[in-house]
Amino acid sequence: MIDAEIAPFYEQLVKYVNVNRIDSVVSKFPDLKDRNKLKDLVIKDILTDAEKDEVKLPENEEKHKKLLKEFNSVVLKEINSYFVKH
């Protein structure tokens, strides 16, 4: 269950997680085997797009860390699912 304080931010970011985005990052780094590094690159790509779209993230450092921890988990699950299908 997502903490109610970060849920609105989380819901905005989750919209950016999709197969096309993962595909795009994988195509840029085809030899990358480390899923944690891939996760970091996908998250960086998402945060860049979210910033362009003026998505606001929590200013409170504790909430920001909590959000990224939850979000890391979701992105890694999506990456693992991606590799099962490909």
PDB file of N, CA and C in Angstrom:
ATOM      1  N   MET A   1       0.845  -1.189   0.000  1.00  0.00           N
ATOM      2  CA  MET A   1       0.000   0.000   0.000  1.00  0.00           C
ATOM      3  C   MET A   1       0.886   1.247   0.000  1.00  0.00           C
ATOM      4  N   ILE A   2       0.583   2.141  -0.876  1.00  0.00           N
ATOM      5  CA  ILE A   2       1.356   3.377  -1.002  1.00  0.00           C
ATOM      6  C   ILE A   2       0.928   4.362   0.075  1.00  0.00           C
ATOM      7  N   ASP A   3       1.909   4.983   0.700  1.00  0.00           N
ATOM      8  CA  ASP A   3       1.674   6.003   1.719  1.00  0.00           C
ATOM      9  C   ASP A   3       0.820   7.127   1.119  1.00  0.00           C
ATOM     10  N   ALA A   4      -0.210   7.520   1.811  1.00  0.00           N
ATOM     11  CA  ALA A   4      -1.138   8.543   1.314  1.00  0.00           C
ATOM     12  C   ALA A   4      -0.441   9.865   1.008  1.00  0.00           C
ATOM     13  N   GLU A   5       0.642  10.159   1.725  1.00  0.00           N
ATOM     14  CA  GLU A   5       1.355  11.424   1.496  1.00  0.00           C
ATOM     15  C   GLU A   5       2.060  11.461   0.138  1.00  0.00           C
ATOM     16  N   ILE A   6       2.463  10.295  -0.347  1.00  0.00           N
ATOM     17  CA  ILE A   6       3.181  10.283  -1.628  1.00  0.00           C
ATOM     18  C   ILE A   6       2.338   9.743  -2.777  1.00  0.00           C
ATOM     19  N   ALA A   7       1.164   9.232  -2.483  1.00  0.00           N
ATOM     20  CA  ALA A   7       0.309   8.614  -3.503  1.00  0.00           C
ATOM     21  C   ALA A   7       0.060   9.512  -4.725  1.00  0.00           C
ATOM     22  N   PRO A   8      -0.259  10.789  -4.549  1.00  0.00           N
ATOM     23  CA  PRO A   8      -0.512  11.624  -5.743  1.00  0.00           C
ATOM     24  C   PRO A   8       0.720  11.745  -6.647  1.00  0.00           C
ATOM     25  N   PHE A   9       1.897  11.844  -6.040  1.00  0.00           N
ATOM     26  CA  PHE A   9       3.135  11.947  -6.817  1.00  0.00           C
ATOM     27  C   PHE A   9       3.434  10.615  -7.514  1.00  0.00           C
ATOM     28  N   TYR A  10       3.244   9.548  -6.769  1.00  0.00           N
ATOM     29  CA  TYR A  10       3.463   8.192  -7.272  1.00  0.00           C
ATOM     30  C   TYR A  10       2.574   7.920  -8.489  1.00  0.00           C
ATOM     31  N   GLU A  11       1.309   8.254  -8.371  1.00  0.00           N
ATOM     32  CA  GLU A  11       0.360   8.021  -9.461  1.00  0.00           C
ATOM     33  C   GLU A  11       0.742   8.779 -10.728  1.00  0.00           C
ATOM     34  N   GLN A  12       1.303   9.966 -10.561  1.00  0.00           N
ATOM     35  CA  GLN A  12       1.745  10.734 -11.732  1.00  0.00           C
ATOM     36  C   GLN A  12       2.925  10.057 -12.416  1.00  0.00           C
ATOM     37  N   LEU A  13       3.878   9.574 -11.630  1.00  0.00           N
ATOM     38  CA  LEU A  13       5.075   8.964 -12.201  1.00  0.00           C
ATOM     39  C   LEU A  13       4.792   7.608 -12.832  1.00  0.00           C
ATOM     40  N   VAL A  14       3.925   6.835 -12.230  1.00  0.00           N
ATOM     41  CA  VAL A  14       3.627   5.496 -12.745  1.00  0.00           C
ATOM     42  C   VAL A  14       3.092   5.551 -14.171  1.00  0.00           C
ATOM     43  N   LYS A  15       2.452   6.635 -14.524  1.00  0.00           N
ATOM     44  CA  LYS A  15       1.920   6.794 -15.885  1.00  0.00           C
ATOM     45  C   LYS A  15       3.027   6.752 -16.940  1.00  0.00           C
ATOM     46  N   TYR A  16       4.244   7.037 -16.532  1.00  0.00           N
ATOM     47  CA  TYR A  16       5.372   7.074 -17.463  1.00  0.00           C
ATOM     48  C   TYR A  16       6.025   5.703 -17.656  1.00  0.00           C
ATOM     49  N   VAL A  17       5.669   4.737 -16.841  1.00  0.00           N
ATOM     50  CA  VAL A  17       6.282   3.403 -16.911  1.00  0.00           C
ATOM     51  C   VAL A  17       5.543   2.569 -17.947  1.00  0.00           C
ATOM     52  N   ASN A  18       6.254   2.213 -19.017  1.00  0.00           N
ATOM     53  CA  ASN A  18       5.645   1.368 -20.049  1.00  0.00           C
ATOM     54  C   ASN A  18       6.717   0.635 -20.847  1.00  0.00           C
ATOM     55  N   VAL A  19       6.274  -0.339 -21.617  1.00  0.00           N
ATOM     56  CA  VAL A  19       7.174  -1.171 -22.405  1.00  0.00           C
ATOM     57  C   VAL A  19       7.952  -0.338 -23.421  1.00  0.00           C
ATOM     58  N   ASN A  20       7.307   0.621 -24.037  1.00  0.00           N
ATOM     59  CA  ASN A  20       7.994   1.445 -25.040  1.00  0.00           C
ATOM     60  C   ASN A  20       9.170   2.201 -24.445  1.00  0.00           C
ATOM     61  N   ARG A  21       9.006   2.695 -23.247  1.00  0.00           N
ATOM     62  CA  ARG A  21      10.101   3.430 -22.593  1.00  0.00           C
ATOM     63  C   ARG A  21      11.259   2.491 -22.291  1.00  0.00           C
ATOM     64  N   ILE A  22      10.936   1.313 -21.761  1.00  0.00           N
ATOM     65  CA  ILE A  22      11.990   0.339 -21.452  1.00  0.00           C
ATOM     66  C   ILE A  22      12.688  -0.087 -22.738  1.00  0.00           C
ATOM     67  N   ASP A  23      11.903  -0.337 -23.769  1.00  0.00           N
ATOM     68  CA  ASP A  23      12.450  -0.691 -25.084  1.00  0.00           C
ATOM     69  C   ASP A  23      13.428   0.375 -25.581  1.00  0.00           C
ATOM     70  N   SER A  24      13.049   1.608 -25.429  1.00  0.00           N
ATOM     71  CA  SER A  24      13.876   2.718 -25.875  1.00  0.00           C
ATOM     72  C   SER A  24      15.214   2.746 -25.140  1.00  0.00           C
ATOM     73  N   VAL A  25      15.178   2.578 -23.835  1.00  0.00           N
ATOM     74  CA  VAL A  25      16.418   2.590 -23.051  1.00  0.00           C
ATOM     75  C   VAL A  25      17.267   1.367 -23.399  1.00  0.00           C
ATOM     76  N   VAL A  26      16.642   0.211 -23.527  1.00  0.00           N
ATOM     77  CA  VAL A  26      17.373  -1.011 -23.888  1.00  0.00           C
ATOM     78  C   VAL A  26      18.045  -0.839 -25.257  1.00  0.00           C
ATOM     79  N   SER A  27      17.349  -0.199 -26.191  1.00  0.00           N
ATOM     80  CA  SER A  27      17.927  -0.011 -27.527  1.00  0.00           C
ATOM     81  C   SER A  27      19.149   0.908 -27.500  1.00  0.00           C
ATOM     82  N   LYS A  28      19.199   1.813 -26.544  1.00  0.00           N
ATOM     83  CA  LYS A  28      20.353   2.714 -26.409  1.00  0.00           C
ATOM     84  C   LYS A  28      21.539   2.005 -25.766  1.00  0.00           C
ATOM     85  N   PHE A  29      21.247   0.988 -24.947  1.00  0.00           N
ATOM     86  CA  PHE A  29      22.280   0.250 -24.224  1.00  0.00           C
ATOM     87  C   PHE A  29      22.045  -1.255 -24.391  1.00  0.00           C
ATOM     88  N   PRO A  30      22.192  -1.770 -25.612  1.00  0.00           N
ATOM     89  CA  PRO A  30      21.822  -3.165 -25.889  1.00  0.00           C
ATOM     90  C   PRO A  30      22.658  -4.207 -25.143  1.00  0.00           C
ATOM     91  N   ASP A  31      23.862  -3.864 -24.726  1.00  0.00           N
ATOM     92  CA  ASP A  31      24.726  -4.823 -24.030  1.00  0.00           C
ATOM     93  C   ASP A  31      24.597  -4.762 -22.519  1.00  0.00           C
ATOM     94  N   LEU A  32      23.766  -3.868 -22.023  1.00  0.00           N
ATOM     95  CA  LEU A  32      23.602  -3.715 -20.581  1.00  0.00           C
ATOM     96  C   LEU A  32      22.823  -4.903 -20.022  1.00  0.00           C
ATOM     97  N   LYS A  33      23.441  -5.629 -19.112  1.00  0.00           N
ATOM     98  CA  LYS A  33      22.808  -6.817 -18.523  1.00  0.00           C
ATOM     99  C   LYS A  33      22.349  -6.575 -17.090  1.00  0.00           C
ATOM    100  N   ASP A  34      22.899  -5.566 -16.443  1.00  0.00           N
ATOM    101  CA  ASP A  34      22.580  -5.267 -15.048  1.00  0.00           C
ATOM    102  C   ASP A  34      21.219  -4.564 -14.972  1.00  0.00           C
ATOM    103  N   ARG A  35      20.235  -5.263 -14.438  1.00  0.00           N
ATOM    104  CA  ARG A  35      18.871  -4.715 -14.398  1.00  0.00           C
ATOM    105  C   ARG A  35      18.756  -3.518 -13.463  1.00  0.00           C
ATOM    106  N   ASN A  36      19.590  -3.463 -12.441  1.00  0.00           N
ATOM    107  CA  ASN A  36      19.555  -2.291 -11.557  1.00  0.00           C
ATOM    108  C   ASN A  36      20.057  -1.042 -12.269  1.00  0.00           C
ATOM    109  N   LYS A  37      21.088  -1.196 -13.088  1.00  0.00           N
ATOM    110  CA  LYS A  37      21.571  -0.051 -13.873  1.00  0.00           C
ATOM    111  C   LYS A  37      20.520   0.361 -14.906  1.00  0.00           C
ATOM    112  N   LEU A  38      19.890  -0.651 -15.504  1.00  0.00           N
ATOM    113  CA  LEU A  38      18.823  -0.361 -16.455  1.00  0.00           C
ATOM    114  C   LEU A  38      17.682   0.376 -15.760  1.00  0.00           C
ATOM    115  N   LYS A  39      17.328  -0.081 -14.572  1.00  0.00           N
ATOM    116  CA  LYS A  39      16.279   0.580 -13.781  1.00  0.00           C
ATOM    117  C   LYS A  39      16.643   2.046 -13.544  1.00  0.00           C
ATOM    118  N   ASP A  40      17.894   2.294 -13.172  1.00  0.00           N
ATOM    119  CA  ASP A  40      18.334   3.676 -12.932  1.00  0.00           C
ATOM    120  C   ASP A  40      18.210   4.530 -14.196  1.00  0.00           C
ATOM    121  N   LEU A  41      18.561   3.946 -15.338  1.00  0.00           N
ATOM    122  CA  LEU A  41      18.452   4.684 -16.604  1.00  0.00           C
ATOM    123  C   LEU A  41      17.002   4.954 -16.986  1.00  0.00           C
ATOM    124  N   VAL A  42      16.145   3.972 -16.767  1.00  0.00           N
ATOM    125  CA  VAL A  42      14.717   4.155 -17.062  1.00  0.00           C
ATOM    126  C   VAL A  42      14.142   5.234 -16.143  1.00  0.00           C
ATOM    127  N   ILE A  43      14.483   5.188 -14.879  1.00  0.00           N
ATOM    128  CA  ILE A  43      13.986   6.199 -13.932  1.00  0.00           C
ATOM    129  C   ILE A  43      14.495   7.582 -14.306  1.00  0.00           C
ATOM    130  N   LYS A  44      15.752   7.672 -14.689  1.00  0.00           N
ATOM    131  CA  LYS A  44      16.301   8.964 -15.112  1.00  0.00           C
ATOM    132  C   LYS A  44      15.524   9.498 -16.319  1.00  0.00           C
ATOM    133  N   ASP A  45      15.220   8.615 -17.264  1.00  0.00           N
ATOM    134  CA  ASP A  45      14.448   8.995 -18.447  1.00  0.00           C
ATOM    135  C   ASP A  45      13.046   9.470 -18.056  1.00  0.00           C
ATOM    136  N   ILE A  46      12.424   8.747 -17.145  1.00  0.00           N
ATOM    137  CA  ILE A  46      11.081   9.114 -16.675  1.00  0.00           C
ATOM    138  C   ILE A  46      11.104  10.458 -15.972  1.00  0.00           C
ATOM    139  N   LEU A  47      12.064  10.644 -15.076  1.00  0.00           N
ATOM    140  CA  LEU A  47      12.125  11.909 -14.331  1.00  0.00           C
ATOM    141  C   LEU A  47      12.409  13.088 -15.256  1.00  0.00           C
ATOM    142  N   THR A  48      13.199  12.858 -16.294  1.00  0.00           N
ATOM    143  CA  THR A  48      13.467  13.919 -17.276  1.00  0.00           C
ATOM    144  C   THR A  48      12.177  14.319 -17.990  1.00  0.00           C
ATOM    145  N   ASP A  49      11.414  13.322 -18.437  1.00  0.00           N
ATOM    146  CA  ASP A  49      10.147  13.622 -19.105  1.00  0.00           C
ATOM    147  C   ASP A  49       9.138  14.248 -18.153  1.00  0.00           C
ATOM    148  N   ALA A  50       9.093  13.751 -16.926  1.00  0.00           N
ATOM    149  CA  ALA A  50       8.159  14.300 -15.937  1.00  0.00           C
ATOM    150  C   ALA A  50       8.483  15.768 -15.660  1.00  0.00           C
ATOM    151  N   GLU A  51       9.773  16.075 -15.597  1.00  0.00           N
ATOM    152  CA  GLU A  51      10.180  17.470 -15.379  1.00  0.00           C
ATOM    153  C   GLU A  51       9.753  18.347 -16.559  1.00  0.00           C
ATOM    154  N   LYS A  52       9.926  17.841 -17.773  1.00  0.00           N
ATOM    155  CA  LYS A  52       9.495  18.584 -18.971  1.00  0.00           C
ATOM    156  C   LYS A  52       7.991  18.834 -18.943  1.00  0.00           C
ATOM    157  N   ASP A  53       7.262  17.854 -18.409  1.00  0.00           N
ATOM    158  CA  ASP A  53       5.805  17.971 -18.316  1.00  0.00           C
ATOM    159  C   ASP A  53       5.362  18.730 -17.066  1.00  0.00           C
ATOM    160  N   GLU A  54       6.341  19.236 -16.336  1.00  0.00           N
ATOM    161  CA  GLU A  54       6.110  20.034 -15.125  1.00  0.00           C
ATOM    162  C   GLU A  54       5.384  19.261 -14.024  1.00  0.00           C
ATOM    163  N   VAL A  55       5.684  17.958 -13.940  1.00  0.00           N
ATOM    164  CA  VAL A  55       5.165  17.148 -12.836  1.00  0.00           C
ATOM    165  C   VAL A  55       5.921  17.564 -11.582  1.00  0.00           C
ATOM    166  N   LYS A  56       5.171  17.856 -10.548  1.00  0.00           N
ATOM    167  CA  LYS A  56       5.778  18.282  -9.284  1.00  0.00           C
ATOM    168  C   LYS A  56       6.026  17.074  -8.390  1.00  0.00           C
ATOM    169  N   LEU A  57       7.233  16.984  -7.867  1.00  0.00           N
ATOM    170  CA  LEU A  57       7.592  15.938  -6.919  1.00  0.00           C
ATOM    171  C   LEU A  57       7.638  16.545  -5.524  1.00  0.00           C
ATOM    172  N   PRO A  58       7.584  15.710  -4.490  1.00  0.00           N
ATOM    173  CA  PRO A  58       7.589  16.267  -3.133  1.00  0.00           C
ATOM    174  C   PRO A  58       8.857  17.072  -2.866  1.00  0.00           C
ATOM    175  N   GLU A  59       8.684  18.214  -2.242  1.00  0.00           N
ATOM    176  CA  GLU A  59       9.839  19.038  -1.886  1.00  0.00           C
ATOM    177  C   GLU A  59      10.479  18.550  -0.600  1.00  0.00           C
ATOM    178  N   ASN A  60       9.685  17.923   0.243  1.00  0.00           N
ATOM    179  CA  ASN A  60      10.174  17.357   1.488  1.00  0.00           C
ATOM    180  C   ASN A  60      11.097  16.178   1.160  1.00  0.00           C
ATOM    181  N   GLU A  61      12.331  16.225   1.670  1.00  0.00           N
ATOM    182  CA  GLU A  61      13.332  15.207   1.331  1.00  0.00           C
ATOM    183  C   GLU A  61      12.910  13.799   1.750  1.00  0.00           C
ATOM    184  N   GLU A  62      12.305  13.667   2.910  1.00  0.00           N
ATOM    185  CA  GLU A  62      11.867  12.360   3.392  1.00  0.00           C
ATOM    186  C   GLU A  62      10.787  11.770   2.474  1.00  0.00           C
ATOM    187  N   LYS A  63       9.832  12.598   2.093  1.00  0.00           N
ATOM    188  CA  LYS A  63       8.762  12.138   1.182  1.00  0.00           C
ATOM    189  C   LYS A  63       9.335  11.803  -0.192  1.00  0.00           C
ATOM    190  N   HIS A  64      10.309  12.604  -0.627  1.00  0.00           N
ATOM    191  CA  HIS A  64      10.947  12.374  -1.925  1.00  0.00           C
ATOM    192  C   HIS A  64      11.643  11.013  -1.934  1.00  0.00           C
ATOM    193  N   LYS A  65      12.375  10.706  -0.872  1.00  0.00           N
ATOM    194  CA  LYS A  65      13.068   9.415  -0.761  1.00  0.00           C
ATOM    195  C   LYS A  65      12.075   8.260  -0.724  1.00  0.00           C
ATOM    196  N   LYS A  66      10.991   8.447   0.019  1.00  0.00           N
ATOM    197  CA  LYS A  66       9.952   7.418   0.120  1.00  0.00           C
ATOM    198  C   LYS A  66       9.339   7.162  -1.255  1.00  0.00           C
ATOM    199  N   LEU A  67       9.075   8.230  -1.978  1.00  0.00           N
ATOM    200  CA  LEU A  67       8.502   8.118  -3.322  1.00  0.00           C
ATOM    201  C   LEU A  67       9.439   7.339  -4.242  1.00  0.00           C
ATOM    202  N   LEU A  68      10.706   7.705  -4.254  1.00  0.00           N
ATOM    203  CA  LEU A  68      11.648   7.040  -5.145  1.00  0.00           C
ATOM    204  C   LEU A  68      11.841   5.576  -4.768  1.00  0.00           C
ATOM    205  N   LYS A  69      11.787   5.266  -3.487  1.00  0.00           N
ATOM    206  CA  LYS A  69      11.908   3.867  -3.057  1.00  0.00           C
ATOM    207  C   LYS A  69      10.753   3.043  -3.619  1.00  0.00           C
ATOM    208  N   GLU A  70       9.545   3.547  -3.477  1.00  0.00           N
ATOM    209  CA  GLU A  70       8.366   2.848  -4.010  1.00  0.00           C
ATOM    210  C   GLU A  70       8.427   2.763  -5.535  1.00  0.00           C
ATOM    211  N   PHE A  71       8.833   3.849  -6.147  1.00  0.00           N
ATOM    212  CA  PHE A  71       8.877   3.912  -7.599  1.00  0.00           C
ATOM    213  C   PHE A  71       9.950   2.980  -8.166  1.00  0.00           C
ATOM    214  N   ASN A  72      11.106   2.897  -7.499  1.00  0.00           N
ATOM    215  CA  ASN A  72      12.164   1.966  -7.918  1.00  0.00           C
ATOM    216  C   ASN A  72      11.625   0.553  -8.019  1.00  0.00           C
ATOM    217  N   SER A  73      10.843   0.180  -7.036  1.00  0.00           N
ATOM    218  CA  SER A  73      10.274  -1.166  -6.984  1.00  0.00           C
ATOM    219  C   SER A  73       9.371  -1.435  -8.192  1.00  0.00           C
ATOM    220  N   VAL A  74       8.526  -0.482  -8.517  1.00  0.00           N
ATOM    221  CA  VAL A  74       7.603  -0.632  -9.646  1.00  0.00           C
ATOM    222  C   VAL A  74       8.364  -0.736 -10.967  1.00  0.00           C
ATOM    223  N   VAL A  75       9.350   0.111 -11.138  1.00  0.00           N
ATOM    224  CA  VAL A  75      10.116   0.107 -12.389  1.00  0.00           C
ATOM    225  C   VAL A  75      10.878  -1.212 -12.526  1.00  0.00           C
ATOM    226  N   LEU A  76      11.474  -1.688 -11.450  1.00  0.00           N
ATOM    227  CA  LEU A  76      12.207  -2.948 -11.514  1.00  0.00           C
ATOM    228  C   LEU A  76      11.277  -4.118 -11.842  1.00  0.00           C
ATOM    229  N   LYS A  77      10.089  -4.128 -11.268  1.00  0.00           N
ATOM    230  CA  LYS A  77       9.109  -5.180 -11.596  1.00  0.00           C
ATOM    231  C   LYS A  77       8.744  -5.131 -13.076  1.00  0.00           C
ATOM    232  N   GLU A  78       8.569  -3.936 -13.599  1.00  0.00           N
ATOM    233  CA  GLU A  78       8.215  -3.787 -15.017  1.00  0.00           C
ATOM    234  C   GLU A  78       9.369  -4.243 -15.912  1.00  0.00           C
ATOM    235  N   ILE A  79      10.585  -3.959 -15.514  1.00  0.00           N
ATOM    236  CA  ILE A  79      11.760  -4.392 -16.276  1.00  0.00           C
ATOM    237  C   ILE A  79      11.853  -5.924 -16.245  1.00  0.00           C
ATOM    238  N   ASN A  80      11.651  -6.519 -15.086  1.00  0.00           N
ATOM    239  CA  ASN A  80      11.691  -7.974 -14.998  1.00  0.00           C
ATOM    240  C   ASN A  80      10.614  -8.603 -15.877  1.00  0.00           C
ATOM    241  N   SER A  81       9.439  -8.021 -15.877  1.00  0.00           N
ATOM    242  CA  SER A  81       8.343  -8.495 -16.716  1.00  0.00           C
ATOM    243  C   SER A  81       8.715  -8.353 -18.201  1.00  0.00           C
ATOM    244  N   TYR A  82       9.345  -7.261 -18.521  1.00  0.00           N
ATOM    245  CA  TYR A  82       9.779  -6.992 -19.900  1.00  0.00           C
ATOM    246  C   TYR A  82      10.701  -8.114 -20.395  1.00  0.00           C
ATOM    247  N   PHE A  83      11.662  -8.514 -19.563  1.00  0.00           N
ATOM    248  CA  PHE A  83      12.604  -9.551 -19.977  1.00  0.00           C
ATOM    249  C   PHE A  83      11.999 -10.941 -20.022  1.00  0.00           C
ATOM    250  N   VAL A  84      10.966 -11.181 -19.262  1.00  0.00           N
ATOM    251  CA  VAL A  84      10.257 -12.455 -19.339  1.00  0.00           C
ATOM    252  C   VAL A  84       9.557 -12.564 -20.693  1.00  0.00           C
ATOM    253  N   LYS A  85       9.045 -11.444 -21.174  1.00  0.00           N
ATOM    254  CA  LYS A  85       8.292 -11.425 -22.435  1.00  0.00           C
ATOM    255  C   LYS A  85       9.190 -11.345 -23.665  1.00  0.00           C
ATOM    256  N   HIS A  86      10.433 -10.898 -23.484  1.00  0.00           N
ATOM    257  CA  HIS A  86      11.332 -10.714 -24.655  1.00  0.00           C
ATOM    258  C   HIS A  86      12.403 -11.758 -24.669  1.00  0.00           C
TER     259      HIS A  86
END
